[in-house]
């Protein structure tokens, strides 16, 4: 799964179950195959227009990182 970052944000005030992981980045990705997906970003911070790819999936959460 690959795509381009449409928009991104860094979460500082996380919900209770994710407080230990804050701050973390999320992004909306325009998929190369069509459509959009909201995903967590892993590794280096991304910016709008960056190419990303699927790194892993945990408990139904997709983690994408820079290509």
PDB file of N, CA and C in Angstrom:
ATOM      1  N   UNK A   1       0.846  -1.157   0.000  1.00  0.00           N
ATOM      2  CA  UNK A   1       0.000   0.000   0.000  1.00  0.00           C
ATOM      3  C   UNK A   1       0.904   1.237   0.000  1.00  0.00           C
ATOM      4  N   UNK A   2       0.691   2.097  -0.965  1.00  0.00           N
ATOM      5  CA  UNK A   2       1.478   3.320  -1.090  1.00  0.00           C
ATOM      6  C   UNK A   2       0.555   4.493  -1.379  1.00  0.00           C
ATOM      7  N   UNK A   3       1.056   5.696  -1.112  1.00  0.00           N
ATOM      8  CA  UNK A   3       0.258   6.880  -1.379  1.00  0.00           C
ATOM      9  C   UNK A   3       1.033   8.143  -1.083  1.00  0.00           C
ATOM     10  N   UNK A   4       0.303   9.248  -1.100  1.00  0.00           N
ATOM     11  CA  UNK A   4       0.866  10.581  -0.895  1.00  0.00           C
ATOM     12  C   UNK A   4       0.134  11.231   0.287  1.00  0.00           C
ATOM     13  N   UNK A   5       0.895  11.906   1.153  1.00  0.00           N
ATOM     14  CA  UNK A   5       0.300  12.580   2.310  1.00  0.00           C
ATOM     15  C   UNK A   5      -0.564  13.746   1.826  1.00  0.00           C
ATOM     16  N   UNK A   6      -1.848  13.686   2.170  1.00  0.00           N
ATOM     17  CA  UNK A   6      -2.807  14.742   1.833  1.00  0.00           C
ATOM     18  C   UNK A   6      -2.787  15.833   2.902  1.00  0.00           C
ATOM     19  N   UNK A   7      -2.766  15.424   4.169  1.00  0.00           N
ATOM     20  CA  UNK A   7      -2.653  16.327   5.304  1.00  0.00           C
ATOM     21  C   UNK A   7      -2.138  15.548   6.498  1.00  0.00           C
ATOM     22  N   UNK A   8      -1.590  16.263   7.481  1.00  0.00           N
ATOM     23  CA  UNK A   8      -1.013  15.582   8.642  1.00  0.00           C
ATOM     24  C   UNK A   8      -1.187  16.420   9.895  1.00  0.00           C
ATOM     25  N   UNK A   9      -1.051  15.761  11.052  1.00  0.00           N
ATOM     26  CA  UNK A   9      -1.153  16.447  12.331  1.00  0.00           C
ATOM     27  C   UNK A   9      -0.378  15.663  13.383  1.00  0.00           C
ATOM     28  N   UNK A  10       0.115  16.365  14.379  1.00  0.00           N
ATOM     29  CA  UNK A  10       0.782  15.709  15.501  1.00  0.00           C
ATOM     30  C   UNK A  10      -0.160  15.782  16.700  1.00  0.00           C
ATOM     31  N   UNK A  11      -0.425  14.622  17.289  1.00  0.00           N
ATOM     32  CA  UNK A  11      -1.315  14.524  18.441  1.00  0.00           C
ATOM     33  C   UNK A  11      -0.493  14.659  19.714  1.00  0.00           C
ATOM     34  N   UNK A  12      -0.799  15.694  20.495  1.00  0.00           N
ATOM     35  CA  UNK A  12      -0.129  15.920  21.778  1.00  0.00           C
ATOM     36  C   UNK A  12      -1.045  15.546  22.941  1.00  0.00           C
ATOM     37  N   UNK A  13      -2.340  15.761  22.787  1.00  0.00           N
ATOM     38  CA  UNK A  13      -3.325  15.443  23.820  1.00  0.00           C
ATOM     39  C   UNK A  13      -4.062  14.183  23.381  1.00  0.00           C
ATOM     40  N   UNK A  14      -3.471  13.046  23.672  1.00  0.00           N
ATOM     41  CA  UNK A  14      -3.986  11.753  23.212  1.00  0.00           C
ATOM     42  C   UNK A  14      -5.085  11.233  24.131  1.00  0.00           C
ATOM     43  N   UNK A  15      -5.944  10.345  23.611  1.00  0.00           N
ATOM     44  CA  UNK A  15      -6.927   9.698  24.475  1.00  0.00           C
ATOM     45  C   UNK A  15      -6.203   8.832  25.517  1.00  0.00           C
ATOM     46  N   UNK A  16      -6.892   8.511  26.584  1.00  0.00           N
ATOM     47  CA  UNK A  16      -6.288   7.818  27.735  1.00  0.00           C
ATOM     48  C   UNK A  16      -5.459   6.599  27.346  1.00  0.00           C
ATOM     49  N   UNK A  17      -5.951   5.776  26.416  1.00  0.00           N
ATOM     50  CA  UNK A  17      -5.247   4.541  26.058  1.00  0.00           C
ATOM     51  C   UNK A  17      -3.975   4.779  25.242  1.00  0.00           C
ATOM     52  N   UNK A  18      -3.763   6.009  24.748  1.00  0.00           N
ATOM     53  CA  UNK A  18      -2.585   6.306  23.927  1.00  0.00           C
ATOM     54  C   UNK A  18      -1.674   7.373  24.535  1.00  0.00           C
ATOM     55  N   UNK A  19      -1.940   7.779  25.780  1.00  0.00           N
ATOM     56  CA  UNK A  19      -1.155   8.842  26.412  1.00  0.00           C
ATOM     57  C   UNK A  19       0.331   8.523  26.422  1.00  0.00           C
ATOM     58  N   UNK A  20       0.689   7.275  26.659  1.00  0.00           N
ATOM     59  CA  UNK A  20       2.100   6.884  26.724  1.00  0.00           C
ATOM     60  C   UNK A  20       2.796   7.024  25.375  1.00  0.00           C
ATOM     61  N   UNK A  21       2.043   7.056  24.278  1.00  0.00           N
ATOM     62  CA  UNK A  21       2.628   7.148  22.939  1.00  0.00           C
ATOM     63  C   UNK A  21       2.724   8.584  22.426  1.00  0.00           C
ATOM     64  N   UNK A  22       2.095   9.524  23.095  1.00  0.00           N
ATOM     65  CA  UNK A  22       2.078  10.916  22.637  1.00  0.00           C
ATOM     66  C   UNK A  22       3.444  11.562  22.855  1.00  0.00           C
ATOM     67  N   UNK A  23       3.853  12.491  22.017  1.00  0.00           N
ATOM     68  CA  UNK A  23       3.158  12.911  20.801  1.00  0.00           C
ATOM     69  C   UNK A  23       3.397  11.910  19.660  1.00  0.00           C
ATOM     70  N   UNK A  24       2.413  11.784  18.799  1.00  0.00           N
ATOM     71  CA  UNK A  24       2.548  10.935  17.618  1.00  0.00           C
ATOM     72  C   UNK A  24       1.863  11.607  16.437  1.00  0.00           C
ATOM     73  N   UNK A  25       2.270  11.205  15.239  1.00  0.00           N
ATOM     74  CA  UNK A  25       1.753  11.840  14.023  1.00  0.00           C
ATOM     75  C   UNK A  25       0.716  10.950  13.363  1.00  0.00           C
ATOM     76  N   UNK A  26      -0.345  11.584  12.876  1.00  0.00           N
ATOM     77  CA  UNK A  26      -1.331  10.907  12.045  1.00  0.00           C
ATOM     78  C   UNK A  26      -1.419  11.667  10.728  1.00  0.00           C
ATOM     79  N   UNK A  27      -1.923  10.984   9.706  1.00  0.00           N
ATOM     80  CA  UNK A  27      -2.040  11.631   8.399  1.00  0.00           C
ATOM     81  C   UNK A  27      -3.189  11.028   7.611  1.00  0.00           C
ATOM     82  N   UNK A  28      -3.722  11.822   6.713  1.00  0.00           N
ATOM     83  CA  UNK A  28      -4.661  11.314   5.717  1.00  0.00           C
ATOM     84  C   UNK A  28      -3.844  11.116   4.460  1.00  0.00           C
ATOM     85  N   UNK A  29      -3.923   9.911   3.920  1.00  0.00           N
ATOM     86  CA  UNK A  29      -3.126   9.505   2.766  1.00  0.00           C
ATOM     87  C   UNK A  29      -4.032   9.334   1.552  1.00  0.00           C
ATOM     88  N   UNK A  30      -3.658   9.932   0.431  1.00  0.00           N
ATOM     89  CA  UNK A  30      -4.326   9.662  -0.842  1.00  0.00           C
ATOM     90  C   UNK A  30      -3.631   8.436  -1.426  1.00  0.00           C
ATOM     91  N   UNK A  31      -4.355   7.330  -1.474  1.00  0.00           N
ATOM     92  CA  UNK A  31      -3.767   6.068  -1.914  1.00  0.00           C
ATOM     93  C   UNK A  31      -3.556   6.031  -3.421  1.00  0.00           C
ATOM     94  N   UNK A  32      -2.450   5.422  -3.835  1.00  0.00           N
ATOM     95  CA  UNK A  32      -2.172   5.267  -5.266  1.00  0.00           C
ATOM     96  C   UNK A  32      -3.262   4.440  -5.949  1.00  0.00           C
ATOM     97  N   UNK A  33      -3.862   3.514  -5.200  1.00  0.00           N
ATOM     98  CA  UNK A  33      -4.908   2.655  -5.748  1.00  0.00           C
ATOM     99  C   UNK A  33      -6.277   3.333  -5.745  1.00  0.00           C
ATOM    100  N   UNK A  34      -6.354   4.558  -5.193  1.00  0.00           N
ATOM    101  CA  UNK A  34      -7.612   5.294  -5.126  1.00  0.00           C
ATOM    102  C   UNK A  34      -8.142   5.358  -3.710  1.00  0.00           C
ATOM    103  N   UNK A  35      -8.803   6.432  -3.396  1.00  0.00           N
ATOM    104  CA  UNK A  35      -9.382   6.620  -2.074  1.00  0.00           C
ATOM    105  C   UNK A  35      -8.396   7.250  -1.112  1.00  0.00           C
ATOM    106  N   UNK A  36      -8.860   7.435   0.114  1.00  0.00           N
ATOM    107  CA  UNK A  36      -8.021   8.022   1.161  1.00  0.00           C
ATOM    108  C   UNK A  36      -8.098   7.155   2.406  1.00  0.00           C
ATOM    109  N   UNK A  37      -7.065   7.258   3.227  1.00  0.00           N
ATOM    110  CA  UNK A  37      -6.934   6.452   4.433  1.00  0.00           C
ATOM    111  C   UNK A  37      -6.319   7.309   5.533  1.00  0.00           C
ATOM    112  N   UNK A  38      -6.856   7.216   6.745  1.00  0.00           N
ATOM    113  CA  UNK A  38      -6.234   7.855   7.903  1.00  0.00           C
ATOM    114  C   UNK A  38      -5.328   6.820   8.554  1.00  0.00           C
ATOM    115  N   UNK A  39      -4.084   7.197   8.833  1.00  0.00           N
ATOM    116  CA  UNK A  39      -3.110   6.242   9.362  1.00  0.00           C
ATOM    117  C   UNK A  39      -2.158   6.917  10.334  1.00  0.00           C
ATOM    118  N   UNK A  40      -1.526   6.104  11.165  1.00  0.00           N
ATOM    119  CA  UNK A  40      -0.445   6.584  12.030  1.00  0.00           C
ATOM    120  C   UNK A  40       0.831   6.614  11.198  1.00  0.00           C
ATOM    121  N   UNK A  41       1.702   7.556  11.519  1.00  0.00           N
ATOM    122  CA  UNK A  41       2.985   7.666  10.840  1.00  0.00           C
ATOM    123  C   UNK A  41       4.063   7.141  11.777  1.00  0.00           C
ATOM    124  N   UNK A  42       4.964   6.354  11.233  1.00  0.00           N
ATOM    125  CA  UNK A  42       6.072   5.817  12.006  1.00  0.00           C
ATOM    126  C   UNK A  42       7.376   6.267  11.367  1.00  0.00           C
ATOM    127  N   UNK A  43       8.412   6.385  12.158  1.00  0.00           N
ATOM    128  CA  UNK A  43       9.695   6.841  11.626  1.00  0.00           C
ATOM    129  C   UNK A  43       9.728   8.353  11.519  1.00  0.00           C
ATOM    130  N   UNK A  44      10.429   8.853  10.516  1.00  0.00           N
ATOM    131  CA  UNK A  44      10.582  10.291  10.325  1.00  0.00           C
ATOM    132  C   UNK A  44       9.233  10.971  10.096  1.00  0.00           C
ATOM    133  N   UNK A  45       9.128  12.203  10.571  1.00  0.00           N
ATOM    134  CA  UNK A  45       7.912  12.978  10.362  1.00  0.00           C
ATOM    135  C   UNK A  45       7.705  13.230   8.873  1.00  0.00           C
ATOM    136  N   UNK A  46       6.440  13.181   8.443  1.00  0.00           N
ATOM    137  CA  UNK A  46       6.109  13.431   7.042  1.00  0.00           C
ATOM    138  C   UNK A  46       5.475  14.806   6.903  1.00  0.00           C
ATOM    139  N   UNK A  47       5.492  15.316   5.682  1.00  0.00           N
ATOM    140  CA  UNK A  47       4.823  16.569   5.362  1.00  0.00           C
ATOM    141  C   UNK A  47       3.929  16.351   4.151  1.00  0.00           C
ATOM    142  N   UNK A  48       3.049  17.298   3.906  1.00  0.00           N
ATOM    143  CA  UNK A  48       2.125  17.197   2.776  1.00  0.00           C
ATOM    144  C   UNK A  48       2.925  17.001   1.495  1.00  0.00           C
ATOM    145  N   UNK A  49       2.502  16.006   0.696  1.00  0.00           N
ATOM    146  CA  UNK A  49       3.158  15.709  -0.574  1.00  0.00           C
ATOM    147  C   UNK A  49       4.176  14.583  -0.506  1.00  0.00           C
ATOM    148  N   UNK A  50       4.558  14.151   0.704  1.00  0.00           N
ATOM    149  CA  UNK A  50       5.523  13.046   0.829  1.00  0.00           C
ATOM    150  C   UNK A  50       4.910  11.723   0.388  1.00  0.00           C
ATOM    151  N   UNK A  51       5.719  10.894  -0.244  1.00  0.00           N
ATOM    152  CA  UNK A  51       5.313   9.536  -0.595  1.00  0.00           C
ATOM    153  C   UNK A  51       5.501   8.650   0.629  1.00  0.00           C
ATOM    154  N   UNK A  52       4.502   7.797   0.910  1.00  0.00           N
ATOM    155  CA  UNK A  52       4.555   6.902   2.062  1.00  0.00           C
ATOM    156  C   UNK A  52       4.155   5.490   1.639  1.00  0.00           C
ATOM    157  N   UNK A  53       4.530   4.540   2.494  1.00  0.00           N
ATOM    158  CA  UNK A  53       4.166   3.147   2.235  1.00  0.00           C
ATOM    159  C   UNK A  53       3.832   2.456   3.547  1.00  0.00           C
ATOM    160  N   UNK A  54       3.079   1.365   3.450  1.00  0.00           N
ATOM    161  CA  UNK A  54       2.700   0.589   4.622  1.00  0.00           C
ATOM    162  C   UNK A  54       3.941  -0.035   5.241  1.00  0.00           C
ATOM    163  N   UNK A  55       4.118   0.155   6.554  1.00  0.00           N
ATOM    164  CA  UNK A  55       5.239  -0.420   7.288  1.00  0.00           C
ATOM    165  C   UNK A  55       4.764  -1.632   8.080  1.00  0.00           C
ATOM    166  N   UNK A  56       3.627  -1.471   8.789  1.00  0.00           N
ATOM    167  CA  UNK A  56       3.067  -2.581   9.556  1.00  0.00           C
ATOM    168  C   UNK A  56       1.620  -2.265   9.910  1.00  0.00           C
ATOM    169  N   UNK A  57       0.929  -3.282  10.418  1.00  0.00           N
ATOM    170  CA  UNK A  57      -0.436  -3.128  10.899  1.00  0.00           C
ATOM    171  C   UNK A  57      -0.535  -3.810  12.251  1.00  0.00           C
ATOM    172  N   UNK A  58      -1.084  -3.102  13.240  1.00  0.00           N
ATOM    173  CA  UNK A  58      -1.246  -3.640  14.589  1.00  0.00           C
ATOM    174  C   UNK A  58      -2.662  -3.372  15.056  1.00  0.00           C
ATOM    175  N   UNK A  59      -3.362  -4.432  15.431  1.00  0.00           N
ATOM    176  CA  UNK A  59      -4.737  -4.302  15.956  1.00  0.00           C
ATOM    177  C   UNK A  59      -5.613  -3.446  15.052  1.00  0.00           C
ATOM    178  N   UNK A  60      -5.477  -3.611  13.761  1.00  0.00           N
ATOM    179  CA  UNK A  60      -6.297  -2.887  12.797  1.00  0.00           C
ATOM    180  C   UNK A  60      -5.840  -1.474  12.488  1.00  0.00           C
ATOM    181  N   UNK A  61      -4.735  -1.034  13.108  1.00  0.00           N
ATOM    182  CA  UNK A  61      -4.183   0.299  12.854  1.00  0.00           C
ATOM    183  C   UNK A  61      -3.047   0.184  11.863  1.00  0.00           C
ATOM    184  N   UNK A  62      -3.122   0.939  10.782  1.00  0.00           N
ATOM    185  CA  UNK A  62      -2.047   0.907   9.782  1.00  0.00           C
ATOM    186  C   UNK A  62      -1.028   1.970  10.107  1.00  0.00           C
ATOM    187  N   UNK A  63       0.254   1.572  10.053  1.00  0.00           N
ATOM    188  CA  UNK A  63       1.376   2.470  10.288  1.00  0.00           C
ATOM    189  C   UNK A  63       2.103   2.630   8.965  1.00  0.00           C
ATOM    190  N   UNK A  64       2.219   3.866   8.491  1.00  0.00           N
ATOM    191  CA  UNK A  64       2.903   4.163   7.245  1.00  0.00           C
ATOM    192  C   UNK A  64       4.139   4.990   7.536  1.00  0.00           C
ATOM    193  N   UNK A  65       5.126   4.904   6.637  1.00  0.00           N
ATOM    194  CA  UNK A  65       6.345   5.669   6.766  1.00  0.00           C
ATOM    195  C   UNK A  65       6.806   6.133   5.400  1.00  0.00           C
ATOM    196  N   UNK A  66       7.771   7.058   5.408  1.00  0.00           N
ATOM    197  CA  UNK A  66       8.313   7.592   4.145  1.00  0.00           C
ATOM    198  C   UNK A  66       8.867   6.474   3.280  1.00  0.00           C
ATOM    199  N   UNK A  67       8.694   6.627   1.984  1.00  0.00           N
ATOM    200  CA  UNK A  67       9.253   5.668   1.010  1.00  0.00           C
ATOM    201  C   UNK A  67      10.751   5.881   0.880  1.00  0.00           C
TER     202      UNK A  67
END
